[in-house]
Amino acid sequence: MGRDSTGRDRAAAARDLLIARGADRLDHPGGTLLAHLERAETRLAAWGAREELRLAGLCHAFYGTDGFAESLLPLERRAELVEAIGAGAEELVYFYASCDREFSYPALETEDGPFRDRFTGGTCIPTARQRADFAELTAANELDVLAANEELRARYGAALLRLFTRWRGLLSERALEDLALVEGLGSRPDDRGR
């Protein structure tokens, strides 16, 4: 694992900042927000994700998301998260948090699919790596939520399975295998057409 400017392990620095910002006291499906974030990081590690993506998994809710409005850190203080996890991982966190899901999800799997930043209103065409990282992080996040909450799994599981089936080309083989293991999602994504 990388180190921050003080020599601390980046994951430890991220956890310290998460606790300082109250993630261990915020309710979230499956316990606290901190517990959810740690499970997302663990899932990404099990999938073989590189360090930046694992750190983004641990910190993906810092600026809130289109599905989780609570923010741990205002955007004006992004430098604090950069200090803890590095610029590359923080950019992934921002990209994930900034997603206007209704606008961006439908065409994420296409090379020219537009992405809208919900903070600025601007649009861009993400790189292949940005799209893959975003899909992988989304899968890790949503699979944890669905595994932790039966009501959410019943309400959103089928729609998420359709989404991840469309995103198959963006997801790692290990992520696709994990999709099949989450009870209540239905058939394996690789058993269905795009």
N, C-alpha and C. Protein backbone atom coordinates (compact mmCIF):
# COMPACT_ATOMS: atom_id res chain seq x y z
N MET A 1 0.85 -1.19 0.00
CA MET A 1 0.00 0.00 0.00
C MET A 1 0.89 1.24 0.00
N GLY A 2 0.45 2.26 -0.69
CA GLY A 2 1.17 3.52 -0.72
C GLY A 2 1.12 4.25 0.61
N ARG A 3 1.85 5.31 0.68
CA ARG A 3 1.94 6.10 1.90
C ARG A 3 1.58 7.55 1.61
N ASP A 4 1.02 8.22 2.63
CA ASP A 4 0.74 9.64 2.48
C ASP A 4 2.02 10.43 2.75
N SER A 5 1.94 11.75 2.72
CA SER A 5 3.15 12.58 2.87
C SER A 5 3.79 12.46 4.25
N THR A 6 3.06 11.97 5.24
CA THR A 6 3.63 11.79 6.58
C THR A 6 4.18 10.39 6.77
N GLY A 7 4.04 9.54 5.74
CA GLY A 7 4.55 8.18 5.83
C GLY A 7 3.52 7.16 6.29
N ARG A 8 2.30 7.60 6.59
CA ARG A 8 1.26 6.66 7.00
C ARG A 8 0.75 5.88 5.81
N ASP A 9 0.36 4.65 6.04
CA ASP A 9 -0.31 3.83 5.05
C ASP A 9 -1.55 4.58 4.57
N ARG A 10 -1.78 4.66 3.27
CA ARG A 10 -2.91 5.43 2.72
C ARG A 10 -4.26 4.91 3.21
N ALA A 11 -4.42 3.59 3.30
CA ALA A 11 -5.69 3.05 3.78
C ALA A 11 -5.92 3.44 5.24
N ALA A 12 -4.87 3.42 6.05
CA ALA A 12 -5.01 3.83 7.45
C ALA A 12 -5.33 5.33 7.54
N ALA A 13 -4.67 6.13 6.70
CA ALA A 13 -4.96 7.57 6.68
C ALA A 13 -6.41 7.81 6.27
N ALA A 14 -6.89 7.04 5.29
CA ALA A 14 -8.29 7.18 4.85
C ALA A 14 -9.24 6.81 5.98
N ARG A 15 -8.97 5.71 6.67
CA ARG A 15 -9.83 5.30 7.79
C ARG A 15 -9.85 6.35 8.89
N ASP A 16 -8.68 6.91 9.20
CA ASP A 16 -8.62 7.97 10.21
C ASP A 16 -9.50 9.16 9.80
N LEU A 17 -9.42 9.56 8.53
CA LEU A 17 -10.23 10.67 8.05
C LEU A 17 -11.71 10.32 8.05
N LEU A 18 -12.04 9.10 7.66
CA LEU A 18 -13.44 8.66 7.68
C LEU A 18 -14.01 8.72 9.10
N ILE A 19 -13.25 8.27 10.06
CA ILE A 19 -13.71 8.30 11.45
C ILE A 19 -13.82 9.74 11.95
N ALA A 20 -12.82 10.56 11.60
CA ALA A 20 -12.87 11.97 12.01
C ALA A 20 -14.09 12.68 11.42
N ARG A 21 -14.54 12.25 10.25
CA ARG A 21 -15.69 12.87 9.59
C ARG A 21 -17.01 12.17 9.94
N GLY A 22 -16.98 11.18 10.83
CA GLY A 22 -18.21 10.58 11.36
C GLY A 22 -18.77 9.40 10.60
N ALA A 23 -18.00 8.79 9.69
CA ALA A 23 -18.52 7.66 8.92
C ALA A 23 -18.85 6.46 9.80
N ASP A 24 -18.21 6.37 10.96
CA ASP A 24 -18.48 5.27 11.88
C ASP A 24 -19.75 5.49 12.69
N ARG A 25 -20.38 6.66 12.53
CA ARG A 25 -21.62 6.97 13.26
C ARG A 25 -22.82 7.15 12.34
N LEU A 26 -22.61 7.07 11.02
CA LEU A 26 -23.71 7.23 10.07
C LEU A 26 -24.32 5.87 9.74
N ASP A 27 -25.63 5.76 9.87
CA ASP A 27 -26.32 4.53 9.52
C ASP A 27 -26.25 4.30 8.02
N HIS A 28 -26.12 3.03 7.66
CA HIS A 28 -26.07 2.61 6.26
C HIS A 28 -26.51 1.16 6.23
N PRO A 29 -27.12 0.70 5.13
CA PRO A 29 -27.50 -0.71 5.08
C PRO A 29 -26.33 -1.63 5.45
N GLY A 30 -26.57 -2.50 6.41
CA GLY A 30 -25.54 -3.40 6.87
C GLY A 30 -24.73 -2.86 8.04
N GLY A 31 -25.17 -1.76 8.65
CA GLY A 31 -24.46 -1.21 9.80
C GLY A 31 -24.19 0.26 9.64
N THR A 32 -22.91 0.61 9.65
CA THR A 32 -22.51 2.01 9.51
C THR A 32 -21.95 2.26 8.12
N LEU A 33 -21.84 3.52 7.77
CA LEU A 33 -21.22 3.87 6.49
C LEU A 33 -19.78 3.35 6.45
N LEU A 34 -19.05 3.49 7.55
CA LEU A 34 -17.67 3.01 7.57
C LEU A 34 -17.60 1.51 7.28
N ALA A 35 -18.47 0.74 7.90
CA ALA A 35 -18.48 -0.71 7.67
C ALA A 35 -18.76 -1.01 6.19
N HIS A 36 -19.70 -0.29 5.60
CA HIS A 36 -20.01 -0.48 4.18
C HIS A 36 -18.79 -0.16 3.32
N LEU A 37 -18.14 0.96 3.59
CA LEU A 37 -16.99 1.37 2.80
C LEU A 37 -15.85 0.35 2.92
N GLU A 38 -15.65 -0.16 4.11
CA GLU A 38 -14.61 -1.18 4.31
C GLU A 38 -14.95 -2.46 3.54
N ARG A 39 -16.22 -2.83 3.51
CA ARG A 39 -16.62 -4.02 2.75
C ARG A 39 -16.45 -3.79 1.25
N ALA A 40 -16.74 -2.58 0.77
CA ALA A 40 -16.53 -2.28 -0.65
C ALA A 40 -15.05 -2.40 -1.00
N GLU A 41 -14.18 -1.87 -0.14
CA GLU A 41 -12.73 -1.99 -0.37
C GLU A 41 -12.30 -3.45 -0.38
N THR A 42 -12.80 -4.23 0.56
CA THR A 42 -12.45 -5.65 0.65
C THR A 42 -12.91 -6.39 -0.61
N ARG A 43 -14.10 -6.08 -1.08
CA ARG A 43 -14.62 -6.73 -2.30
C ARG A 43 -13.73 -6.39 -3.49
N LEU A 44 -13.38 -5.13 -3.63
CA LEU A 44 -12.51 -4.73 -4.73
C LEU A 44 -11.15 -5.41 -4.64
N ALA A 45 -10.62 -5.53 -3.44
CA ALA A 45 -9.34 -6.23 -3.27
C ALA A 45 -9.48 -7.70 -3.69
N ALA A 46 -10.58 -8.34 -3.32
CA ALA A 46 -10.82 -9.73 -3.71
C ALA A 46 -10.92 -9.87 -5.23
N TRP A 47 -11.37 -8.82 -5.89
CA TRP A 47 -11.47 -8.84 -7.35
C TRP A 47 -10.13 -8.53 -8.02
N GLY A 48 -9.11 -8.22 -7.23
CA GLY A 48 -7.79 -7.91 -7.79
C GLY A 48 -7.62 -6.48 -8.23
N ALA A 49 -8.44 -5.56 -7.72
CA ALA A 49 -8.34 -4.15 -8.11
C ALA A 49 -7.01 -3.56 -7.67
N ARG A 50 -6.52 -2.62 -8.45
CA ARG A 50 -5.28 -1.93 -8.10
C ARG A 50 -5.53 -1.02 -6.89
N GLU A 51 -4.44 -0.57 -6.28
CA GLU A 51 -4.54 0.20 -5.04
C GLU A 51 -5.42 1.44 -5.16
N GLU A 52 -5.29 2.22 -6.21
CA GLU A 52 -6.10 3.44 -6.35
C GLU A 52 -7.59 3.13 -6.34
N LEU A 53 -7.98 2.06 -7.01
CA LEU A 53 -9.40 1.71 -7.06
C LEU A 53 -9.87 1.18 -5.71
N ARG A 54 -9.04 0.43 -5.01
CA ARG A 54 -9.41 -0.04 -3.67
C ARG A 54 -9.59 1.15 -2.72
N LEU A 55 -8.68 2.11 -2.79
CA LEU A 55 -8.80 3.30 -1.95
C LEU A 55 -10.05 4.10 -2.30
N ALA A 56 -10.36 4.19 -3.59
CA ALA A 56 -11.60 4.87 -4.00
C ALA A 56 -12.81 4.12 -3.45
N GLY A 57 -12.75 2.80 -3.43
CA GLY A 57 -13.84 2.02 -2.85
C GLY A 57 -14.02 2.33 -1.38
N LEU A 58 -12.92 2.49 -0.66
CA LEU A 58 -12.98 2.81 0.76
C LEU A 58 -13.53 4.22 0.99
N CYS A 59 -13.34 5.11 0.03
CA CYS A 59 -13.68 6.52 0.23
C CYS A 59 -14.79 7.02 -0.69
N HIS A 60 -15.48 6.14 -1.39
CA HIS A 60 -16.37 6.58 -2.47
C HIS A 60 -17.52 7.47 -2.03
N ALA A 61 -17.85 7.51 -0.75
CA ALA A 61 -18.98 8.33 -0.30
C ALA A 61 -18.56 9.66 0.31
N PHE A 62 -17.29 10.03 0.22
CA PHE A 62 -16.83 11.26 0.87
C PHE A 62 -17.60 12.49 0.44
N TYR A 63 -17.94 12.58 -0.84
CA TYR A 63 -18.64 13.76 -1.34
C TYR A 63 -20.13 13.48 -1.55
N GLY A 64 -20.62 12.40 -0.97
CA GLY A 64 -21.99 11.97 -1.23
C GLY A 64 -22.06 11.38 -2.63
N THR A 65 -23.20 10.82 -2.97
CA THR A 65 -23.41 10.28 -4.32
C THR A 65 -24.83 10.63 -4.73
N ASP A 66 -25.14 10.32 -5.96
CA ASP A 66 -26.48 10.54 -6.48
C ASP A 66 -27.50 9.67 -5.74
N GLY A 67 -27.03 8.61 -5.08
CA GLY A 67 -27.91 7.72 -4.33
C GLY A 67 -27.77 7.83 -2.81
N PHE A 68 -26.78 8.56 -2.33
CA PHE A 68 -26.52 8.73 -0.89
C PHE A 68 -26.10 10.18 -0.68
N ALA A 69 -27.05 11.01 -0.29
CA ALA A 69 -26.84 12.46 -0.27
C ALA A 69 -25.85 12.92 0.80
N GLU A 70 -25.70 12.18 1.88
CA GLU A 70 -24.82 12.58 2.98
C GLU A 70 -23.38 12.74 2.49
N SER A 71 -22.80 13.89 2.77
CA SER A 71 -21.43 14.17 2.37
C SER A 71 -20.56 14.25 3.62
N LEU A 72 -19.40 13.64 3.58
CA LEU A 72 -18.47 13.69 4.71
C LEU A 72 -17.52 14.88 4.61
N LEU A 73 -17.36 15.39 3.41
CA LEU A 73 -16.38 16.44 3.18
C LEU A 73 -16.89 17.33 2.05
N PRO A 74 -16.94 18.64 2.26
CA PRO A 74 -17.37 19.51 1.16
C PRO A 74 -16.31 19.51 0.04
N LEU A 75 -16.77 19.75 -1.16
CA LEU A 75 -15.86 19.73 -2.31
C LEU A 75 -14.73 20.74 -2.18
N GLU A 76 -14.97 21.83 -1.46
CA GLU A 76 -13.92 22.83 -1.28
C GLU A 76 -12.74 22.28 -0.48
N ARG A 77 -12.92 21.12 0.16
CA ARG A 77 -11.87 20.54 0.98
C ARG A 77 -11.32 19.25 0.38
N ARG A 78 -11.38 19.12 -0.93
CA ARG A 78 -10.88 17.92 -1.61
C ARG A 78 -9.41 17.65 -1.28
N ALA A 79 -8.65 18.70 -1.03
CA ALA A 79 -7.22 18.54 -0.75
C ALA A 79 -6.98 17.63 0.46
N GLU A 80 -7.89 17.61 1.41
CA GLU A 80 -7.74 16.74 2.58
C GLU A 80 -7.79 15.27 2.18
N LEU A 81 -8.68 14.94 1.26
CA LEU A 81 -8.76 13.55 0.81
C LEU A 81 -7.58 13.22 -0.09
N VAL A 82 -7.15 14.18 -0.92
CA VAL A 82 -5.95 13.97 -1.74
C VAL A 82 -4.77 13.64 -0.84
N GLU A 83 -4.62 14.39 0.26
CA GLU A 83 -3.52 14.15 1.20
C GLU A 83 -3.55 12.73 1.76
N ALA A 84 -4.73 12.24 2.05
CA ALA A 84 -4.86 10.90 2.66
C ALA A 84 -4.65 9.78 1.66
N ILE A 85 -5.26 9.88 0.47
CA ILE A 85 -5.27 8.72 -0.44
C ILE A 85 -4.54 8.94 -1.76
N GLY A 86 -4.08 10.15 -2.01
CA GLY A 86 -3.38 10.43 -3.26
C GLY A 86 -4.32 11.00 -4.30
N ALA A 87 -3.73 11.72 -5.25
CA ALA A 87 -4.53 12.42 -6.26
C ALA A 87 -5.29 11.47 -7.17
N GLY A 88 -4.68 10.38 -7.59
CA GLY A 88 -5.35 9.45 -8.50
C GLY A 88 -6.58 8.81 -7.88
N ALA A 89 -6.46 8.35 -6.64
CA ALA A 89 -7.61 7.74 -5.96
C ALA A 89 -8.69 8.78 -5.69
N GLU A 90 -8.27 9.98 -5.31
CA GLU A 90 -9.26 11.03 -5.04
C GLU A 90 -10.01 11.41 -6.32
N GLU A 91 -9.33 11.41 -7.45
CA GLU A 91 -10.01 11.70 -8.72
C GLU A 91 -11.09 10.66 -9.00
N LEU A 92 -10.81 9.40 -8.68
CA LEU A 92 -11.82 8.34 -8.84
C LEU A 92 -13.01 8.58 -7.91
N VAL A 93 -12.72 8.98 -6.67
CA VAL A 93 -13.79 9.28 -5.72
C VAL A 93 -14.66 10.41 -6.25
N TYR A 94 -14.02 11.48 -6.72
CA TYR A 94 -14.79 12.61 -7.25
C TYR A 94 -15.62 12.17 -8.46
N PHE A 95 -15.01 11.44 -9.38
CA PHE A 95 -15.71 11.00 -10.58
C PHE A 95 -16.94 10.16 -10.20
N TYR A 96 -16.76 9.25 -9.26
CA TYR A 96 -17.87 8.40 -8.81
C TYR A 96 -18.98 9.26 -8.17
N ALA A 97 -18.58 10.15 -7.27
CA ALA A 97 -19.55 10.98 -6.55
C ALA A 97 -20.27 11.95 -7.48
N SER A 98 -19.60 12.39 -8.52
CA SER A 98 -20.16 13.42 -9.40
C SER A 98 -21.18 12.87 -10.39
N CYS A 99 -21.30 11.58 -10.49
CA CYS A 99 -22.14 10.99 -11.53
C CYS A 99 -23.62 11.33 -11.38
N ASP A 100 -24.17 11.90 -12.43
CA ASP A 100 -25.61 12.05 -12.58
C ASP A 100 -26.08 10.72 -13.15
N ARG A 101 -26.57 9.85 -12.28
CA ARG A 101 -26.87 8.47 -12.67
C ARG A 101 -27.91 8.36 -13.77
N GLU A 102 -28.99 9.13 -13.66
CA GLU A 102 -30.05 9.03 -14.66
C GLU A 102 -29.52 9.37 -16.05
N PHE A 103 -28.65 10.35 -16.13
CA PHE A 103 -28.08 10.76 -17.41
C PHE A 103 -26.98 9.82 -17.88
N SER A 104 -26.11 9.39 -16.96
CA SER A 104 -24.86 8.71 -17.32
C SER A 104 -24.97 7.20 -17.43
N TYR A 105 -25.79 6.56 -16.62
CA TYR A 105 -25.86 5.10 -16.63
C TYR A 105 -26.25 4.49 -17.98
N PRO A 106 -27.24 5.04 -18.69
CA PRO A 106 -27.73 4.34 -19.88
C PRO A 106 -26.69 4.05 -20.96
N ALA A 107 -25.67 4.87 -21.10
CA ALA A 107 -24.71 4.67 -22.18
C ALA A 107 -23.28 4.50 -21.68
N LEU A 108 -23.10 4.20 -20.41
CA LEU A 108 -21.74 4.09 -19.86
C LEU A 108 -20.92 3.05 -20.61
N GLU A 109 -21.56 1.97 -21.06
CA GLU A 109 -20.81 0.88 -21.69
C GLU A 109 -20.35 1.21 -23.11
N THR A 110 -20.84 2.29 -23.69
CA THR A 110 -20.43 2.64 -25.05
C THR A 110 -19.25 3.61 -25.02
N GLU A 111 -18.39 3.49 -26.01
CA GLU A 111 -17.17 4.31 -26.05
C GLU A 111 -17.44 5.80 -26.06
N ASP A 112 -18.56 6.19 -26.65
CA ASP A 112 -18.86 7.61 -26.74
C ASP A 112 -20.02 8.02 -25.84
N GLY A 113 -20.32 7.17 -24.85
CA GLY A 113 -21.41 7.48 -23.92
C GLY A 113 -21.07 8.69 -23.06
N PRO A 114 -21.95 9.68 -23.00
CA PRO A 114 -21.66 10.89 -22.22
C PRO A 114 -21.85 10.66 -20.72
N PHE A 115 -21.13 11.43 -19.97
CA PHE A 115 -21.15 11.38 -18.50
C PHE A 115 -21.41 12.80 -18.03
N ARG A 116 -22.39 12.97 -17.15
CA ARG A 116 -22.69 14.30 -16.62
C ARG A 116 -22.24 14.40 -15.16
N ASP A 117 -21.52 15.47 -14.86
CA ASP A 117 -21.08 15.80 -13.52
C ASP A 117 -22.24 16.51 -12.82
N ARG A 118 -22.80 15.90 -11.79
CA ARG A 118 -23.97 16.47 -11.10
C ARG A 118 -23.60 17.71 -10.29
N PHE A 119 -22.34 17.90 -10.00
CA PHE A 119 -21.90 19.08 -9.25
C PHE A 119 -21.79 20.31 -10.15
N THR A 120 -21.25 20.11 -11.35
CA THR A 120 -21.00 21.25 -12.24
C THR A 120 -21.99 21.34 -13.40
N GLY A 121 -22.67 20.24 -13.71
CA GLY A 121 -23.56 20.20 -14.86
C GLY A 121 -22.82 19.94 -16.17
N GLY A 122 -21.50 19.90 -16.12
CA GLY A 122 -20.72 19.65 -17.33
C GLY A 122 -20.79 18.20 -17.77
N THR A 123 -20.54 17.96 -19.05
CA THR A 123 -20.51 16.59 -19.57
C THR A 123 -19.15 16.31 -20.19
N CYS A 124 -18.82 15.02 -20.22
CA CYS A 124 -17.58 14.58 -20.84
C CYS A 124 -17.80 13.18 -21.41
N ILE A 125 -16.85 12.72 -22.17
CA ILE A 125 -16.82 11.33 -22.63
C ILE A 125 -15.70 10.67 -21.83
N PRO A 126 -16.04 9.78 -20.88
CA PRO A 126 -15.01 9.15 -20.05
C PRO A 126 -14.08 8.26 -20.87
N THR A 127 -12.86 8.12 -20.39
CA THR A 127 -11.93 7.19 -21.01
C THR A 127 -12.40 5.76 -20.71
N ALA A 128 -11.82 4.81 -21.42
CA ALA A 128 -12.15 3.40 -21.18
C ALA A 128 -11.83 3.02 -19.73
N ARG A 129 -10.73 3.50 -19.22
CA ARG A 129 -10.36 3.18 -17.84
C ARG A 129 -11.33 3.81 -16.85
N GLN A 130 -11.72 5.05 -17.08
CA GLN A 130 -12.70 5.69 -16.19
C GLN A 130 -14.01 4.91 -16.17
N ARG A 131 -14.47 4.48 -17.34
CA ARG A 131 -15.72 3.73 -17.41
C ARG A 131 -15.60 2.40 -16.68
N ALA A 132 -14.49 1.69 -16.87
CA ALA A 132 -14.29 0.41 -16.20
C ALA A 132 -14.17 0.59 -14.69
N ASP A 133 -13.41 1.58 -14.26
CA ASP A 133 -13.27 1.84 -12.81
C ASP A 133 -14.62 2.20 -12.20
N PHE A 134 -15.37 3.05 -12.91
CA PHE A 134 -16.68 3.45 -12.41
C PHE A 134 -17.61 2.24 -12.29
N ALA A 135 -17.63 1.39 -13.29
CA ALA A 135 -18.50 0.20 -13.27
C ALA A 135 -18.09 -0.74 -12.15
N GLU A 136 -16.81 -0.96 -11.99
CA GLU A 136 -16.32 -1.87 -10.96
C GLU A 136 -16.66 -1.33 -9.56
N LEU A 137 -16.44 -0.05 -9.35
CA LEU A 137 -16.76 0.58 -8.07
C LEU A 137 -18.26 0.54 -7.80
N THR A 138 -19.05 0.80 -8.83
CA THR A 138 -20.50 0.74 -8.68
C THR A 138 -20.94 -0.67 -8.30
N ALA A 139 -20.39 -1.66 -8.97
CA ALA A 139 -20.75 -3.06 -8.66
C ALA A 139 -20.38 -3.41 -7.22
N ALA A 140 -19.18 -3.05 -6.78
CA ALA A 140 -18.76 -3.35 -5.41
C ALA A 140 -19.69 -2.67 -4.41
N ASN A 141 -20.02 -1.43 -4.66
CA ASN A 141 -20.90 -0.67 -3.78
C ASN A 141 -22.29 -1.30 -3.73
N GLU A 142 -22.90 -1.50 -4.89
CA GLU A 142 -24.29 -1.98 -4.93
C GLU A 142 -24.40 -3.42 -4.45
N LEU A 143 -23.44 -4.26 -4.75
CA LEU A 143 -23.50 -5.64 -4.28
C LEU A 143 -23.45 -5.70 -2.76
N ASP A 144 -22.67 -4.83 -2.15
CA ASP A 144 -22.65 -4.80 -0.69
C ASP A 144 -23.98 -4.35 -0.13
N VAL A 145 -24.57 -3.33 -0.71
CA VAL A 145 -25.87 -2.84 -0.23
C VAL A 145 -26.93 -3.93 -0.37
N LEU A 146 -26.94 -4.60 -1.53
CA LEU A 146 -27.95 -5.65 -1.75
C LEU A 146 -27.73 -6.84 -0.82
N ALA A 147 -26.50 -7.19 -0.55
CA ALA A 147 -26.21 -8.30 0.35
C ALA A 147 -26.62 -7.96 1.79
N ALA A 148 -26.59 -6.68 2.13
CA ALA A 148 -26.87 -6.24 3.49
C ALA A 148 -28.34 -5.97 3.77
N ASN A 149 -29.14 -5.80 2.72
CA ASN A 149 -30.52 -5.37 2.95
C ASN A 149 -31.48 -6.09 2.01
N GLU A 150 -32.28 -6.97 2.57
CA GLU A 150 -33.21 -7.77 1.78
C GLU A 150 -34.25 -6.92 1.07
N GLU A 151 -34.75 -5.88 1.74
CA GLU A 151 -35.76 -5.02 1.11
C GLU A 151 -35.20 -4.31 -0.12
N LEU A 152 -33.98 -3.78 0.00
CA LEU A 152 -33.35 -3.11 -1.15
C LEU A 152 -33.05 -4.12 -2.25
N ARG A 153 -32.64 -5.33 -1.86
CA ARG A 153 -32.38 -6.38 -2.85
C ARG A 153 -33.65 -6.71 -3.62
N ALA A 154 -34.78 -6.83 -2.91
CA ALA A 154 -36.05 -7.13 -3.58
C ALA A 154 -36.48 -5.97 -4.48
N ARG A 155 -36.25 -4.75 -4.05
CA ARG A 155 -36.69 -3.58 -4.80
C ARG A 155 -35.80 -3.28 -6.00
N TYR A 156 -34.47 -3.39 -5.83
CA TYR A 156 -33.55 -2.94 -6.87
C TYR A 156 -32.69 -4.04 -7.50
N GLY A 157 -32.72 -5.24 -6.95
CA GLY A 157 -31.84 -6.31 -7.43
C GLY A 157 -31.97 -6.60 -8.90
N ALA A 158 -33.20 -6.76 -9.39
CA ALA A 158 -33.39 -7.10 -10.81
C ALA A 158 -32.92 -5.98 -11.72
N ALA A 159 -33.21 -4.73 -11.36
CA ALA A 159 -32.77 -3.61 -12.18
C ALA A 159 -31.25 -3.50 -12.19
N LEU A 160 -30.62 -3.74 -11.05
CA LEU A 160 -29.16 -3.69 -11.00
C LEU A 160 -28.55 -4.83 -11.80
N LEU A 161 -29.16 -6.00 -11.76
CA LEU A 161 -28.66 -7.11 -12.55
C LEU A 161 -28.71 -6.75 -14.04
N ARG A 162 -29.80 -6.13 -14.48
CA ARG A 162 -29.89 -5.69 -15.89
C ARG A 162 -28.80 -4.66 -16.21
N LEU A 163 -28.59 -3.72 -15.29
CA LEU A 163 -27.55 -2.71 -15.49
C LEU A 163 -26.18 -3.37 -15.61
N PHE A 164 -25.85 -4.25 -14.67
CA PHE A 164 -24.53 -4.87 -14.69
C PHE A 164 -24.38 -5.83 -15.86
N THR A 165 -25.47 -6.40 -16.32
CA THR A 165 -25.42 -7.24 -17.52
C THR A 165 -25.04 -6.38 -18.72
N ARG A 166 -25.62 -5.18 -18.83
CA ARG A 166 -25.23 -4.27 -19.90
C ARG A 166 -23.77 -3.86 -19.78
N TRP A 167 -23.29 -3.74 -18.56
CA TRP A 167 -21.92 -3.30 -18.31
C TRP A 167 -20.91 -4.44 -18.29
N ARG A 168 -21.30 -5.63 -18.69
CA ARG A 168 -20.41 -6.81 -18.63
C ARG A 168 -19.03 -6.54 -19.19
N GLY A 169 -18.97 -5.84 -20.31
CA GLY A 169 -17.69 -5.57 -20.94
C GLY A 169 -16.79 -4.65 -20.14
N LEU A 170 -17.34 -3.98 -19.14
CA LEU A 170 -16.56 -3.07 -18.30
C LEU A 170 -16.09 -3.74 -17.01
N LEU A 171 -16.74 -4.84 -16.63
CA LEU A 171 -16.49 -5.48 -15.34
C LEU A 171 -15.47 -6.60 -15.46
N SER A 172 -14.68 -6.77 -14.40
CA SER A 172 -13.71 -7.86 -14.36
C SER A 172 -14.44 -9.20 -14.24
N GLU A 173 -13.74 -10.25 -14.62
CA GLU A 173 -14.33 -11.59 -14.50
C GLU A 173 -14.71 -11.90 -13.05
N ARG A 174 -13.88 -11.46 -12.13
CA ARG A 174 -14.17 -11.74 -10.71
C ARG A 174 -15.40 -10.98 -10.24
N ALA A 175 -15.61 -9.77 -10.74
CA ALA A 175 -16.82 -9.03 -10.40
C ALA A 175 -18.04 -9.74 -10.97
N LEU A 176 -17.95 -10.22 -12.21
CA LEU A 176 -19.06 -10.95 -12.82
C LEU A 176 -19.38 -12.21 -12.04
N GLU A 177 -18.36 -12.91 -11.56
CA GLU A 177 -18.58 -14.11 -10.74
C GLU A 177 -19.29 -13.75 -9.44
N ASP A 178 -18.90 -12.63 -8.84
CA ASP A 178 -19.52 -12.20 -7.60
C ASP A 178 -20.99 -11.83 -7.80
N LEU A 179 -21.32 -11.27 -8.95
CA LEU A 179 -22.72 -10.94 -9.24
C LEU A 179 -23.59 -12.19 -9.12
N ALA A 180 -23.08 -13.31 -9.57
CA ALA A 180 -23.85 -14.55 -9.55
C ALA A 180 -24.03 -15.09 -8.14
N LEU A 181 -23.19 -14.67 -7.21
CA LEU A 181 -23.24 -15.19 -5.85
C LEU A 181 -24.20 -14.47 -4.92
N VAL A 182 -24.62 -13.28 -5.32
CA VAL A 182 -25.49 -12.50 -4.43
C VAL A 182 -26.91 -13.06 -4.52
N GLU A 183 -27.36 -13.61 -3.43
CA GLU A 183 -28.68 -14.23 -3.38
C GLU A 183 -29.76 -13.21 -3.74
N GLY A 184 -30.70 -13.66 -4.55
CA GLY A 184 -31.84 -12.82 -4.89
C GLY A 184 -31.66 -11.98 -6.13
N LEU A 185 -30.48 -12.02 -6.78
CA LEU A 185 -30.29 -11.22 -7.98
C LEU A 185 -30.81 -11.92 -9.23
N GLY A 186 -30.99 -13.20 -9.19
CA GLY A 186 -31.48 -13.91 -10.37
C GLY A 186 -30.36 -14.67 -11.05
N SER A 187 -30.47 -14.84 -12.35
CA SER A 187 -29.51 -15.66 -13.09
C SER A 187 -28.18 -14.95 -13.24
N ARG A 188 -27.17 -15.72 -13.62
CA ARG A 188 -25.82 -15.18 -13.83
C ARG A 188 -25.85 -14.16 -14.95
N PRO A 189 -25.12 -13.06 -14.82
CA PRO A 189 -25.10 -12.06 -15.87
C PRO A 189 -24.58 -12.60 -17.19
N ASP A 190 -23.65 -13.57 -17.15
CA ASP A 190 -23.10 -14.06 -18.40
C ASP A 190 -24.02 -15.09 -19.07
N ASP A 191 -25.16 -15.40 -18.44
CA ASP A 191 -26.15 -16.29 -19.04
C ASP A 191 -27.19 -15.51 -19.83
N ARG A 192 -27.12 -14.19 -19.81
CA ARG A 192 -28.10 -13.34 -20.48
C ARG A 192 -27.44 -12.58 -21.60
N GLY A 193 -28.24 -12.14 -22.54
CA GLY A 193 -27.72 -11.30 -23.62
C GLY A 193 -27.45 -9.90 -23.14
N ARG A 194 -26.72 -9.15 -23.92
CA ARG A 194 -26.41 -7.75 -23.57
C ARG A 194 -27.61 -6.92 -23.54
